[in-house]
Amino acid sequence: MQDFANLNIIYGWNYSGKTTISRIFQNSEKTEKNPDYNSSEFELENYNGQKYNEQIHNVDDRLVRTFNADFIKDNL
């Protein structure tokens, strides 16, 4: 997988995990878990070896914004 850039679009077939991945990133944006994944755990690691999980919301100062079905439901 390529490194993320300033703007990233994730696309794929239905039921391929796009919403799950976007909700992981949305955890950083909202600093809270999605209610559908309340008992979930995850861990991501950046290129410097810094780790990010459901309790550590930011590993650097990047601004995260997600536009997914949850965003549409909450805002439109």
PDB file of N, CA and C in Angstrom:
ATOM      1  N   MET A   1       0.841  -1.176   0.000  1.00  0.00           N
ATOM      2  CA  MET A   1       0.000   0.000   0.000  1.00  0.00           C
ATOM      3  C   MET A   1       0.887   1.240   0.000  1.00  0.00           C
ATOM      4  N   GLN A   2       0.511   2.235  -0.751  1.00  0.00           N
ATOM      5  CA  GLN A   2       1.271   3.480  -0.802  1.00  0.00           C
ATOM      6  C   GLN A   2       1.091   4.275   0.494  1.00  0.00           C
ATOM      7  N   ASP A   3       2.076   5.141   0.785  1.00  0.00           N
ATOM      8  CA  ASP A   3       1.945   6.039   1.928  1.00  0.00           C
ATOM      9  C   ASP A   3       0.792   6.999   1.685  1.00  0.00           C
ATOM     10  N   PHE A   4       0.160   7.441   2.767  1.00  0.00           N
ATOM     11  CA  PHE A   4      -0.918   8.405   2.640  1.00  0.00           C
ATOM     12  C   PHE A   4      -0.354   9.770   2.276  1.00  0.00           C
ATOM     13  N   ALA A   5      -1.140  10.520   1.532  1.00  0.00           N
ATOM     14  CA  ALA A   5      -0.791  11.889   1.145  1.00  0.00           C
ATOM     15  C   ALA A   5      -1.655  12.841   1.961  1.00  0.00           C
ATOM     16  N   ASN A   6      -1.655  14.125   1.598  1.00  0.00           N
ATOM     17  CA  ASN A   6      -2.496  15.097   2.306  1.00  0.00           C
ATOM     18  C   ASN A   6      -3.977  14.830   2.108  1.00  0.00           C
ATOM     19  N   LEU A   7      -4.362  14.323   0.950  1.00  0.00           N
ATOM     20  CA  LEU A   7      -5.744  13.977   0.655  1.00  0.00           C
ATOM     21  C   LEU A   7      -5.754  12.557   0.114  1.00  0.00           C
ATOM     22  N   ASN A   8      -6.600  11.703   0.678  1.00  0.00           N
ATOM     23  CA  ASN A   8      -6.659  10.302   0.274  1.00  0.00           C
ATOM     24  C   ASN A   8      -8.102   9.893   0.046  1.00  0.00           C
ATOM     25  N   ILE A   9      -8.315   9.141  -0.998  1.00  0.00           N
ATOM     26  CA  ILE A   9      -9.638   8.594  -1.307  1.00  0.00           C
ATOM     27  C   ILE A   9      -9.516   7.084  -1.255  1.00  0.00           C
ATOM     28  N   ILE A  10     -10.370   6.472  -0.469  1.00  0.00           N
ATOM     29  CA  ILE A  10     -10.391   5.012  -0.348  1.00  0.00           C
ATOM     30  C   ILE A  10     -11.651   4.528  -1.043  1.00  0.00           C
ATOM     31  N   TYR A  11     -11.489   3.638  -1.999  1.00  0.00           N
ATOM     32  CA  TYR A  11     -12.642   3.122  -2.730  1.00  0.00           C
ATOM     33  C   TYR A  11     -12.465   1.614  -2.920  1.00  0.00           C
ATOM     34  N   GLY A  12     -13.558   0.948  -3.178  1.00  0.00           N
ATOM     35  CA  GLY A  12     -13.517  -0.489  -3.394  1.00  0.00           C
ATOM     36  C   GLY A  12     -14.917  -1.050  -3.502  1.00  0.00           C
ATOM     37  N   TRP A  13     -14.977  -2.362  -3.650  1.00  0.00           N
ATOM     38  CA  TRP A  13     -16.245  -3.064  -3.762  1.00  0.00           C
ATOM     39  C   TRP A  13     -17.039  -2.936  -2.473  1.00  0.00           C
ATOM     40  N   ASN A  14     -18.358  -3.124  -2.573  1.00  0.00           N
ATOM     41  CA  ASN A  14     -19.191  -3.172  -1.377  1.00  0.00           C
ATOM     42  C   ASN A  14     -18.705  -4.291  -0.462  1.00  0.00           C
ATOM     43  N   TYR A  15     -18.776  -4.040   0.839  1.00  0.00           N
ATOM     44  CA  TYR A  15     -18.381  -4.996   1.879  1.00  0.00           C
ATOM     45  C   TYR A  15     -16.900  -5.378   1.805  1.00  0.00           C
ATOM     46  N   SER A  16     -16.059  -4.428   1.372  1.00  0.00           N
ATOM     47  CA  SER A  16     -14.623  -4.711   1.319  1.00  0.00           C
ATOM     48  C   SER A  16     -13.857  -4.070   2.482  1.00  0.00           C
ATOM     49  N   GLY A  17     -14.554  -3.343   3.381  1.00  0.00           N
ATOM     50  CA  GLY A  17     -13.912  -2.780   4.562  1.00  0.00           C
ATOM     51  C   GLY A  17     -13.708  -1.278   4.548  1.00  0.00           C
ATOM     52  N   LYS A  18     -14.243  -0.583   3.560  1.00  0.00           N
ATOM     53  CA  LYS A  18     -14.063   0.873   3.468  1.00  0.00           C
ATOM     54  C   LYS A  18     -14.633   1.592   4.690  1.00  0.00           C
ATOM     55  N   THR A  19     -15.825   1.243   5.092  1.00  0.00           N
ATOM     56  CA  THR A  19     -16.447   1.900   6.240  1.00  0.00           C
ATOM     57  C   THR A  19     -15.679   1.592   7.514  1.00  0.00           C
ATOM     58  N   THR A  20     -15.235   0.375   7.678  1.00  0.00           N
ATOM     59  CA  THR A  20     -14.450   0.009   8.861  1.00  0.00           C
ATOM     60  C   THR A  20     -13.175   0.833   8.939  1.00  0.00           C
ATOM     61  N   ILE A  21     -12.463   0.961   7.836  1.00  0.00           N
ATOM     62  CA  ILE A  21     -11.235   1.755   7.816  1.00  0.00           C
ATOM     63  C   ILE A  21     -11.549   3.226   8.083  1.00  0.00           C
ATOM     64  N   SER A  22     -12.603   3.747   7.471  1.00  0.00           N
ATOM     65  CA  SER A  22     -12.927   5.158   7.687  1.00  0.00           C
ATOM     66  C   SER A  22     -13.320   5.411   9.137  1.00  0.00           C
ATOM     67  N   ARG A  23     -13.949   4.458   9.792  1.00  0.00           N
ATOM     68  CA  ARG A  23     -14.319   4.632  11.197  1.00  0.00           C
ATOM     69  C   ARG A  23     -13.097   4.601  12.107  1.00  0.00           C
ATOM     70  N   ILE A  24     -12.071   3.879  11.722  1.00  0.00           N
ATOM     71  CA  ILE A  24     -10.821   3.914  12.491  1.00  0.00           C
ATOM     72  C   ILE A  24     -10.222   5.314  12.425  1.00  0.00           C
ATOM     73  N   PHE A  25     -10.180   5.899  11.227  1.00  0.00           N
ATOM     74  CA  PHE A  25      -9.664   7.257  11.100  1.00  0.00           C
ATOM     75  C   PHE A  25     -10.600   8.281  11.736  1.00  0.00           C
ATOM     76  N   GLN A  26     -11.884   8.015  11.704  1.00  0.00           N
ATOM     77  CA  GLN A  26     -12.853   8.911  12.325  1.00  0.00           C
ATOM     78  C   GLN A  26     -12.660   8.941  13.846  1.00  0.00           C
ATOM     79  N   ASN A  27     -12.144   7.860  14.408  1.00  0.00           N
ATOM     80  CA  ASN A  27     -11.827   7.817  15.831  1.00  0.00           C
ATOM     81  C   ASN A  27     -10.835   8.918  16.189  1.00  0.00           C
ATOM     82  N   SER A  28      -9.887   9.180  15.308  1.00  0.00           N
ATOM     83  CA  SER A  28      -8.919  10.264  15.526  1.00  0.00           C
ATOM     84  C   SER A  28      -9.592  11.624  15.410  1.00  0.00           C
ATOM     85  N   GLU A  29     -10.489  11.758  14.468  1.00  0.00           N
ATOM     86  CA  GLU A  29     -11.175  13.036  14.247  1.00  0.00           C
ATOM     87  C   GLU A  29     -12.088  13.388  15.413  1.00  0.00           C
ATOM     88  N   LYS A  30     -12.889  12.422  15.865  1.00  0.00           N
ATOM     89  CA  LYS A  30     -13.884  12.689  16.908  1.00  0.00           C
ATOM     90  C   LYS A  30     -13.367  12.384  18.315  1.00  0.00           C
ATOM     91  N   THR A  31     -12.201  11.764  18.416  1.00  0.00           N
ATOM     92  CA  THR A  31     -11.602  11.313  19.680  1.00  0.00           C
ATOM     93  C   THR A  31     -12.560  10.446  20.505  1.00  0.00           C
ATOM     94  N   GLU A  32     -13.339   9.647  19.808  1.00  0.00           N
ATOM     95  CA  GLU A  32     -14.213   8.676  20.467  1.00  0.00           C
ATOM     96  C   GLU A  32     -14.494   7.536  19.501  1.00  0.00           C
ATOM     97  N   LYS A  33     -14.815   6.388  20.047  1.00  0.00           N
ATOM     98  CA  LYS A  33     -15.121   5.226  19.219  1.00  0.00           C
ATOM     99  C   LYS A  33     -16.496   5.352  18.584  1.00  0.00           C
ATOM    100  N   ASN A  34     -16.641   4.729  17.449  1.00  0.00           N
ATOM    101  CA  ASN A  34     -17.939   4.621  16.815  1.00  0.00           C
ATOM    102  C   ASN A  34     -18.776   3.659  17.647  1.00  0.00           C
ATOM    103  N   PRO A  35     -20.028   3.985  17.934  1.00  0.00           N
ATOM    104  CA  PRO A  35     -20.865   3.098  18.761  1.00  0.00           C
ATOM    105  C   PRO A  35     -21.015   1.686  18.195  1.00  0.00           C
ATOM    106  N   ASP A  36     -20.904   1.532  16.872  1.00  0.00           N
ATOM    107  CA  ASP A  36     -20.999   0.198  16.277  1.00  0.00           C
ATOM    108  C   ASP A  36     -19.790  -0.670  16.593  1.00  0.00           C
ATOM    109  N   TYR A  37     -18.688  -0.040  17.005  1.00  0.00           N
ATOM    110  CA  TYR A  37     -17.451  -0.772  17.310  1.00  0.00           C
ATOM    111  C   TYR A  37     -16.982  -0.461  18.719  1.00  0.00           C
ATOM    112  N   ASN A  38     -17.911  -0.386  19.642  1.00  0.00           N
ATOM    113  CA  ASN A  38     -17.611   0.037  21.005  1.00  0.00           C
ATOM    114  C   ASN A  38     -16.569  -0.827  21.708  1.00  0.00           C
ATOM    115  N   SER A  39     -16.548  -2.111  21.452  1.00  0.00           N
ATOM    116  CA  SER A  39     -15.588  -2.990  22.125  1.00  0.00           C
ATOM    117  C   SER A  39     -14.385  -3.330  21.247  1.00  0.00           C
ATOM    118  N   SER A  40     -14.230  -2.636  20.141  1.00  0.00           N
ATOM    119  CA  SER A  40     -13.138  -2.943  19.219  1.00  0.00           C
ATOM    120  C   SER A  40     -11.808  -2.381  19.710  1.00  0.00           C
ATOM    121  N   GLU A  41     -10.735  -2.993  19.226  1.00  0.00           N
ATOM    122  CA  GLU A  41      -9.376  -2.520  19.480  1.00  0.00           C
ATOM    123  C   GLU A  41      -8.633  -2.514  18.162  1.00  0.00           C
ATOM    124  N   PHE A  42      -7.751  -1.544  17.985  1.00  0.00           N
ATOM    125  CA  PHE A  42      -6.926  -1.489  16.781  1.00  0.00           C
ATOM    126  C   PHE A  42      -5.627  -0.786  17.107  1.00  0.00           C
ATOM    127  N   GLU A  43      -4.650  -0.987  16.248  1.00  0.00           N
ATOM    128  CA  GLU A  43      -3.370  -0.296  16.393  1.00  0.00           C
ATOM    129  C   GLU A  43      -2.798  -0.022  15.018  1.00  0.00           C
ATOM    130  N   LEU A  44      -2.394   1.218  14.795  1.00  0.00           N
ATOM    131  CA  LEU A  44      -1.735   1.637  13.568  1.00  0.00           C
ATOM    132  C   LEU A  44      -0.359   2.171  13.940  1.00  0.00           C
ATOM    133  N   GLU A  45       0.574   2.053  13.015  1.00  0.00           N
ATOM    134  CA  GLU A  45       1.924   2.554  13.262  1.00  0.00           C
ATOM    135  C   GLU A  45       2.361   3.404  12.083  1.00  0.00           C
ATOM    136  N   ASN A  46       2.917   4.587  12.354  1.00  0.00           N
ATOM    137  CA  ASN A  46       3.368   5.437  11.253  1.00  0.00           C
ATOM    138  C   ASN A  46       4.809   5.096  10.880  1.00  0.00           C
ATOM    139  N   TYR A  47       5.334   5.795   9.895  1.00  0.00           N
ATOM    140  CA  TYR A  47       6.662   5.485   9.375  1.00  0.00           C
ATOM    141  C   TYR A  47       7.777   5.735  10.391  1.00  0.00           C
ATOM    142  N   ASN A  48       7.510   6.532  11.439  1.00  0.00           N
ATOM    143  CA  ASN A  48       8.500   6.776  12.491  1.00  0.00           C
ATOM    144  C   ASN A  48       8.420   5.757  13.621  1.00  0.00           C
ATOM    145  N   GLY A  49       7.466   4.834  13.526  1.00  0.00           N
ATOM    146  CA  GLY A  49       7.290   3.839  14.573  1.00  0.00           C
ATOM    147  C   GLY A  49       6.367   4.282  15.691  1.00  0.00           C
ATOM    148  N   GLN A  50       5.778   5.487  15.562  1.00  0.00           N
ATOM    149  CA  GLN A  50       4.823   5.942  16.566  1.00  0.00           C
ATOM    150  C   GLN A  50       3.523   5.172  16.391  1.00  0.00           C
ATOM    151  N   LYS A  51       2.930   4.776  17.510  1.00  0.00           N
ATOM    152  CA  LYS A  51       1.720   3.963  17.448  1.00  0.00           C
ATOM    153  C   LYS A  51       0.495   4.784  17.816  1.00  0.00           C
ATOM    154  N   TYR A  52      -0.611   4.388  17.228  1.00  0.00           N
ATOM    155  CA  TYR A  52      -1.901   5.041  17.389  1.00  0.00           C
ATOM    156  C   TYR A  52      -2.919   3.931  17.606  1.00  0.00           C
ATOM    157  N   ASN A  53      -3.813   4.092  18.562  1.00  0.00           N
ATOM    158  CA  ASN A  53      -4.854   3.087  18.782  1.00  0.00           C
ATOM    159  C   ASN A  53      -6.145   3.767  19.217  1.00  0.00           C
ATOM    160  N   GLU A  54      -7.086   2.962  19.683  1.00  0.00           N
ATOM    161  CA  GLU A  54      -8.391   3.517  20.039  1.00  0.00           C
ATOM    162  C   GLU A  54      -8.319   4.460  21.239  1.00  0.00           C
ATOM    163  N   GLN A  55      -7.215   4.444  21.993  1.00  0.00           N
ATOM    164  CA  GLN A  55      -7.071   5.339  23.143  1.00  0.00           C
ATOM    165  C   GLN A  55      -6.127   6.504  22.863  1.00  0.00           C
ATOM    166  N   ILE A  56      -5.150   6.307  21.997  1.00  0.00           N
ATOM    167  CA  ILE A  56      -4.215   7.370  21.605  1.00  0.00           C
ATOM    168  C   ILE A  56      -4.706   7.890  20.259  1.00  0.00           C
ATOM    169  N   HIS A  57      -5.277   9.076  20.243  1.00  0.00           N
ATOM    170  CA  HIS A  57      -5.987   9.557  19.064  1.00  0.00           C
ATOM    171  C   HIS A  57      -5.106  10.186  18.006  1.00  0.00           C
ATOM    172  N   ASN A  58      -3.986  10.766  18.376  1.00  0.00           N
ATOM    173  CA  ASN A  58      -3.109  11.405  17.388  1.00  0.00           C
ATOM    174  C   ASN A  58      -1.660  11.023  17.646  1.00  0.00           C
ATOM    175  N   VAL A  59      -0.966  10.623  16.603  1.00  0.00           N
ATOM    176  CA  VAL A  59       0.463  10.346  16.738  1.00  0.00           C
ATOM    177  C   VAL A  59       1.300  11.474  16.150  1.00  0.00           C
ATOM    178  N   ASP A  60       0.702  12.355  15.438  1.00  0.00           N
ATOM    179  CA  ASP A  60       1.373  13.555  14.946  1.00  0.00           C
ATOM    180  C   ASP A  60       0.326  14.645  14.780  1.00  0.00           C
ATOM    181  N   ASP A  61       0.679  15.773  14.205  1.00  0.00           N
ATOM    182  CA  ASP A  61      -0.280  16.873  14.151  1.00  0.00           C
ATOM    183  C   ASP A  61      -1.079  16.935  12.859  1.00  0.00           C
ATOM    184  N   ARG A  62      -1.281  15.821  12.222  1.00  0.00           N
ATOM    185  CA  ARG A  62      -2.088  15.823  11.000  1.00  0.00           C
ATOM    186  C   ARG A  62      -3.564  15.999  11.338  1.00  0.00           C
ATOM    187  N   LEU A  63      -4.235  16.742  10.502  1.00  0.00           N
ATOM    188  CA  LEU A  63      -5.670  16.949  10.654  1.00  0.00           C
ATOM    189  C   LEU A  63      -6.391  15.832   9.902  1.00  0.00           C
ATOM    190  N   VAL A  64      -7.239  15.114  10.584  1.00  0.00           N
ATOM    191  CA  VAL A  64      -7.971  14.002   9.973  1.00  0.00           C
ATOM    192  C   VAL A  64      -9.431  14.400   9.831  1.00  0.00           C
ATOM    193  N   ARG A  65      -9.960  14.240   8.638  1.00  0.00           N
ATOM    194  CA  ARG A  65     -11.376  14.450   8.371  1.00  0.00           C
ATOM    195  C   ARG A  65     -11.865  13.265   7.556  1.00  0.00           C
ATOM    196  N   THR A  66     -13.006  12.736   7.921  1.00  0.00           N
ATOM    197  CA  THR A  66     -13.557  11.604   7.187  1.00  0.00           C
ATOM    198  C   THR A  66     -14.915  11.978   6.617  1.00  0.00           C
ATOM    199  N   PHE A  67     -15.141  11.543   5.412  1.00  0.00           N
ATOM    200  CA  PHE A  67     -16.431  11.728   4.752  1.00  0.00           C
ATOM    201  C   PHE A  67     -16.916  10.332   4.398  1.00  0.00           C
ATOM    202  N   ASN A  68     -17.842   9.826   5.175  1.00  0.00           N
ATOM    203  CA  ASN A  68     -18.375   8.487   4.956  1.00  0.00           C
ATOM    204  C   ASN A  68     -19.885   8.503   5.234  1.00  0.00           C
ATOM    205  N   ALA A  69     -20.487   7.336   5.283  1.00  0.00           N
ATOM    206  CA  ALA A  69     -21.929   7.254   5.519  1.00  0.00           C
ATOM    207  C   ALA A  69     -22.312   7.864   6.869  1.00  0.00           C
ATOM    208  N   ASP A  70     -21.445   7.730   7.886  1.00  0.00           N
ATOM    209  CA  ASP A  70     -21.736   8.324   9.181  1.00  0.00           C
ATOM    210  C   ASP A  70     -21.772   9.846   9.105  1.00  0.00           C
ATOM    211  N   PHE A  71     -20.845  10.428   8.351  1.00  0.00           N
ATOM    212  CA  PHE A  71     -20.823  11.878   8.163  1.00  0.00           C
ATOM    213  C   PHE A  71     -22.121  12.341   7.507  1.00  0.00           C
ATOM    214  N   ILE A  72     -22.531  11.649   6.470  1.00  0.00           N
ATOM    215  CA  ILE A  72     -23.767  12.011   5.763  1.00  0.00           C
ATOM    216  C   ILE A  72     -24.970  11.919   6.694  1.00  0.00           C
ATOM    217  N   LYS A  73     -25.053  10.839   7.466  1.00  0.00           N
ATOM    218  CA  LYS A  73     -26.172  10.654   8.397  1.00  0.00           C
ATOM    219  C   LYS A  73     -26.206  11.749   9.450  1.00  0.00           C
ATOM    220  N   ASP A  74     -25.039  12.163   9.963  1.00  0.00           N
ATOM    221  CA  ASP A  74     -24.977  13.153  11.034  1.00  0.00           C
ATOM    222  C   ASP A  74     -25.112  14.599  10.551  1.00  0.00           C
ATOM    223  N   ASN A  75     -24.778  14.870   9.290  1.00  0.00           N
ATOM    224  CA  ASN A  75     -24.680  16.262   8.854  1.00  0.00           C
ATOM    225  C   ASN A  75     -25.593  16.660   7.698  1.00  0.00           C
ATOM    226  N   LEU A  76     -26.106  15.730   6.971  1.00  0.00           N
ATOM    227  CA  LEU A  76     -26.922  16.099   5.808  1.00  0.00           C
ATOM    228  C   LEU A  76     -28.359  15.636   5.948  1.00  0.00           C
TER     229      LEU A  76
END
